[in-house]
Amino acid sequence: MDQPTPQPAYVLHSRAYKETSALVDLLTPQGRVRAVLRRARGKGGSLVRPFVPLEVELRGRGELKNVGRMDSSGIAAWLHGDALFSGLYLNELLMRLLPAEAPYPALFEHYTLTLQALAAGRPLEPLLRAFEWRLLDELGYAFALHHDVNDAPVVADGLYRLLVDAGLERVELFQPGLFKGTELLALADADWAAPGALLAAKRLMRQALAVHLGPKPLVSRELFRKR
């Protein structure tokens, strides 16, 4: 039998399974993987929590793996307050949108760096918007910010709306939910200090993600509202 190859991982979600085991959803460079961790309420149970960098060995060829080994591989990102809610939001996005067992090594690295930045107390909004955009891009849902759906350059004094399946469309008449060209160009350059850029980015990402998330509300957003 082939020896499993150790790989880095983070726990995205876990729940009790049978008497002493846990069903864990892991983020690895090879994708989102669901596995059974035996004796999870014993010695290894302390590792079954979010934001702990792990090294795991997974066994099995079916959709449900078995954790052969799970060890800590670094310093956990200790998140508190809004940073904790932000980390839970990232995990929920990955659980809802990331297909099972599809490799996204660059996204795994970006997730790792984002957790470190959250733990270091960096401003939350730019980190969340950058991660949302990276996730959309990795999944093939991203769209151009410098050009509209007709391949015309986005102009600073223009008004645009998002067509989720296509991209940005310039409109001539004002209507709710539009984006200014200046805001879009700032987002394209990740210029978070530009006036209105962060608020526009939040609206844009929410519109872009909504069609893929479906009608079921995000639990982590509700936590933010109730904090």
Protein backbone atom coordinates (compact mmCIF):
# COMPACT_ATOMS: atom_id res chain seq x y z
CA MET A 1 0.00 0.00 0.00
CA ASP A 2 1.30 3.47 -0.90
CA GLN A 3 2.37 5.58 2.04
CA PRO A 4 0.27 8.79 2.25
CA THR A 5 2.18 11.97 1.49
CA PRO A 6 2.07 14.52 4.33
CA GLN A 7 0.54 17.82 3.31
CA PRO A 8 -0.23 21.14 4.98
CA ALA A 9 -3.82 21.77 6.01
CA TYR A 10 -6.22 23.88 8.04
CA VAL A 11 -9.52 22.82 9.59
CA LEU A 12 -12.37 24.76 8.00
CA HIS A 13 -15.18 23.04 9.88
CA SER A 14 -15.67 20.06 12.16
CA ARG A 15 -18.48 18.25 13.89
CA ALA A 16 -18.84 15.22 16.12
CA TYR A 17 -19.03 11.89 14.30
CA LYS A 18 -20.09 8.67 15.98
CA GLU A 19 -18.93 8.22 19.58
CA THR A 20 -15.38 9.57 19.69
CA SER A 21 -14.59 10.73 16.15
CA ALA A 22 -14.95 13.98 14.24
CA LEU A 23 -15.88 14.74 10.66
CA VAL A 24 -13.50 17.46 9.52
CA ASP A 25 -13.40 19.59 6.40
CA LEU A 26 -9.80 20.46 5.62
CA LEU A 27 -8.29 23.06 3.33
CA THR A 28 -5.14 21.72 1.69
CA PRO A 29 -3.16 22.79 -1.38
CA GLN A 30 -4.90 19.90 -3.12
CA GLY A 31 -8.32 21.30 -2.31
CA ARG A 32 -11.09 20.99 0.23
CA VAL A 33 -11.16 17.49 1.67
CA ARG A 34 -13.58 15.80 4.08
CA ALA A 35 -12.12 13.21 6.40
CA VAL A 36 -12.84 11.22 9.56
CA LEU A 37 -10.52 11.83 12.49
CA ARG A 38 -10.64 8.91 14.91
CA ARG A 39 -10.44 9.52 18.66
CA ALA A 40 -10.91 13.23 18.03
CA ARG A 41 -11.99 13.82 21.61
CA GLY A 42 -8.74 12.42 22.92
CA LYS A 43 -5.20 13.69 22.52
CA GLY A 44 -5.65 14.91 18.95
CA GLY A 45 -8.84 16.84 19.67
CA SER A 46 -7.04 20.08 20.46
CA LEU A 47 -5.95 20.31 16.81
CA VAL A 48 -9.51 20.18 15.51
CA ARG A 49 -10.02 23.93 15.59
CA PRO A 50 -9.70 26.62 12.94
CA PHE A 51 -6.58 28.61 12.08
CA VAL A 52 -4.05 26.02 13.33
CA PRO A 53 -1.45 25.15 10.66
CA LEU A 54 -1.37 21.38 10.40
CA GLU A 55 0.45 18.59 8.64
CA VAL A 56 -1.85 15.71 7.80
CA GLU A 57 -1.70 12.33 6.16
CA LEU A 58 -4.94 11.28 4.50
CA ARG A 59 -5.85 7.72 3.60
CA GLY A 60 -8.51 6.40 1.25
CA ARG A 61 -9.53 6.92 -2.35
CA GLY A 62 -13.19 7.78 -1.89
CA GLU A 63 -14.75 11.17 -1.19
CA LEU A 64 -14.54 10.58 2.57
CA LYS A 65 -10.93 10.13 3.68
CA ASN A 66 -9.45 8.98 6.95
CA VAL A 67 -6.90 11.04 8.84
CA GLY A 68 -3.89 8.79 9.30
CA ARG A 69 -1.86 11.45 11.10
CA MET A 70 -2.46 15.05 12.16
CA ASP A 71 0.20 17.24 13.75
CA SER A 72 0.63 20.94 14.37
CA SER A 73 3.15 22.42 11.95
CA GLY A 74 3.48 26.00 13.16
CA ILE A 75 2.12 28.75 15.31
CA ALA A 76 -1.66 29.07 15.34
CA ALA A 77 -3.20 32.35 14.24
CA TRP A 78 -4.86 33.54 17.45
CA LEU A 79 -7.76 35.66 16.27
CA HIS A 80 -9.96 37.76 18.52
CA GLY A 81 -12.97 40.01 18.11
CA ASP A 82 -13.64 41.15 14.56
CA ALA A 83 -10.52 39.35 13.31
CA LEU A 84 -12.02 36.08 14.58
CA PHE A 85 -15.33 36.76 12.83
CA SER A 86 -13.36 37.60 9.69
CA GLY A 87 -11.51 34.30 9.83
CA LEU A 88 -14.77 32.41 10.29
CA TYR A 89 -16.16 34.31 7.29
CA LEU A 90 -13.23 33.16 5.13
CA ASN A 91 -13.79 29.57 6.25
CA GLU A 92 -17.49 29.75 5.46
CA LEU A 93 -16.81 31.16 1.99
CA LEU A 94 -14.42 28.29 1.28
CA MET A 95 -16.89 25.71 2.60
CA ARG A 96 -19.70 27.10 0.46
CA LEU A 97 -17.83 27.85 -2.77
CA LEU A 98 -14.74 25.66 -3.06
CA PRO A 99 -15.40 22.40 -4.94
CA ALA A 100 -14.25 19.24 -3.19
CA GLU A 101 -10.80 17.88 -4.02
CA ALA A 102 -9.96 20.50 -6.65
CA PRO A 103 -6.39 21.77 -6.13
CA TYR A 104 -5.88 25.48 -5.49
CA PRO A 105 -2.34 25.77 -4.11
CA ALA A 106 -2.10 29.53 -4.68
CA LEU A 107 -5.39 30.08 -2.83
CA PHE A 108 -4.10 27.96 0.07
CA GLU A 109 -1.02 30.19 0.29
CA HIS A 110 -3.16 33.34 0.13
CA TYR A 111 -5.38 31.98 2.92
CA THR A 112 -2.31 31.32 5.07
CA LEU A 113 -0.98 34.85 4.54
CA THR A 114 -4.42 36.35 5.23
CA LEU A 115 -4.68 34.53 8.57
CA GLN A 116 -1.24 35.79 9.53
CA ALA A 117 -2.23 39.34 8.59
CA LEU A 118 -5.46 39.10 10.60
CA ALA A 119 -3.53 37.82 13.62
CA ALA A 120 -1.06 40.70 13.25
CA GLY A 121 -3.88 43.23 13.52
CA ARG A 122 -3.80 44.49 9.95
CA PRO A 123 -6.93 46.43 8.79
CA LEU A 124 -9.70 43.93 8.13
CA GLU A 125 -11.55 45.37 5.15
CA PRO A 126 -8.67 45.35 2.62
CA LEU A 127 -7.75 41.80 3.66
CA LEU A 128 -11.31 40.53 3.25
CA ARG A 129 -11.86 42.24 -0.08
CA ALA A 130 -8.53 40.97 -1.43
CA PHE A 131 -9.38 37.41 -0.36
CA GLU A 132 -12.87 37.56 -1.87
CA TRP A 133 -11.41 38.75 -5.15
CA ARG A 134 -8.70 36.07 -5.11
CA LEU A 135 -11.33 33.40 -4.46
CA LEU A 136 -13.50 34.62 -7.35
CA ASP A 137 -10.44 34.70 -9.61
CA GLU A 138 -9.30 31.19 -8.66
CA LEU A 139 -12.80 29.80 -9.26
CA GLY A 140 -13.02 31.47 -12.67
CA TYR A 141 -15.69 33.98 -11.65
CA ALA A 142 -13.59 37.15 -11.74
CA PHE A 143 -14.14 39.96 -14.26
CA ALA A 144 -12.14 42.87 -15.64
CA LEU A 145 -11.94 46.06 -13.62
CA HIS A 146 -10.06 48.17 -16.16
CA HIS A 147 -12.44 47.35 -19.06
CA ASP A 148 -16.19 46.99 -19.41
CA VAL A 149 -18.16 44.22 -21.13
CA ASN A 150 -17.63 45.93 -24.51
CA ASP A 151 -13.85 45.98 -23.90
CA ALA A 152 -13.89 49.77 -23.59
CA PRO A 153 -11.62 51.20 -20.88
CA VAL A 154 -13.31 52.06 -17.61
CA VAL A 155 -13.29 55.85 -17.37
CA ALA A 156 -13.09 57.81 -14.15
CA ASP A 157 -16.27 59.84 -14.74
CA GLY A 158 -18.35 56.86 -15.90
CA LEU A 159 -21.06 54.95 -14.05
CA TYR A 160 -21.16 51.15 -14.16
CA ARG A 161 -23.24 48.24 -13.02
CA LEU A 162 -22.13 44.65 -12.52
CA LEU A 163 -23.48 41.99 -14.83
CA VAL A 164 -22.43 38.96 -12.82
CA ASP A 165 -22.12 36.62 -15.79
CA ALA A 166 -20.22 39.10 -17.94
CA GLY A 167 -18.59 42.01 -16.12
CA LEU A 168 -19.04 45.75 -15.84
CA GLU A 169 -21.49 47.59 -18.07
CA ARG A 170 -21.43 51.36 -18.48
CA VAL A 171 -24.79 53.06 -17.99
CA GLU A 172 -25.85 56.62 -18.74
CA LEU A 173 -28.71 57.07 -16.30
CA PHE A 174 -28.21 56.94 -12.55
CA GLN A 175 -29.80 54.03 -10.70
CA PRO A 176 -29.22 52.41 -7.29
CA GLY A 177 -26.25 50.10 -6.89
CA LEU A 178 -23.96 51.67 -9.48
CA PHE A 179 -20.21 52.05 -9.22
CA LYS A 180 -18.17 55.09 -10.15
CA GLY A 181 -15.32 54.67 -12.56
CA THR A 182 -12.96 56.24 -10.05
CA GLU A 183 -13.90 53.56 -7.51
CA LEU A 184 -13.40 50.70 -9.96
CA LEU A 185 -10.02 52.00 -11.09
CA ALA A 186 -8.95 52.28 -7.46
CA LEU A 187 -10.01 48.68 -6.88
CA ALA A 188 -8.12 47.53 -9.96
CA ASP A 189 -4.97 49.05 -8.46
CA ALA A 190 -5.79 47.91 -4.89
CA ASP A 191 -5.69 51.56 -3.85
CA TRP A 192 -7.65 51.17 -0.64
CA ALA A 193 -6.92 54.74 0.46
CA ALA A 194 -8.86 56.23 -2.48
CA PRO A 195 -12.16 57.88 -1.45
CA GLY A 196 -15.01 55.37 -1.50
CA ALA A 197 -12.80 52.44 -2.58
CA LEU A 198 -13.39 50.17 0.41
CA LEU A 199 -17.14 50.72 0.53
CA ALA A 200 -17.42 50.17 -3.23
CA ALA A 201 -15.30 47.03 -2.99
CA LYS A 202 -17.58 45.61 -0.30
CA ARG A 203 -20.68 46.27 -2.41
CA LEU A 204 -19.04 44.88 -5.54
CA MET A 205 -17.83 41.69 -3.87
CA ARG A 206 -21.21 41.13 -2.23
CA GLN A 207 -22.93 41.41 -5.61
CA ALA A 208 -20.36 39.17 -7.28
CA LEU A 209 -20.53 36.49 -4.59
CA ALA A 210 -24.31 36.49 -4.11
CA VAL A 211 -25.16 34.53 -7.25
CA HIS A 212 -22.68 31.78 -6.33
CA LEU A 213 -23.63 31.62 -2.65
CA GLY A 214 -27.34 31.32 -3.33
CA PRO A 215 -30.17 32.38 -0.99
CA LYS A 216 -28.88 30.70 2.18
CA PRO A 217 -27.45 33.45 4.44
CA LEU A 218 -23.90 33.28 5.72
CA VAL A 219 -23.75 32.49 9.44
CA SER A 220 -20.56 34.53 9.86
CA ARG A 221 -22.28 37.65 8.48
CA GLU A 222 -24.99 37.26 11.09
CA LEU A 223 -22.29 37.05 13.79
CA PHE A 224 -20.85 40.33 12.51
CA ARG A 225 -24.27 41.99 12.75
CA LYS A 226 -24.88 40.75 16.28
CA ARG A 227 -21.44 41.51 17.71
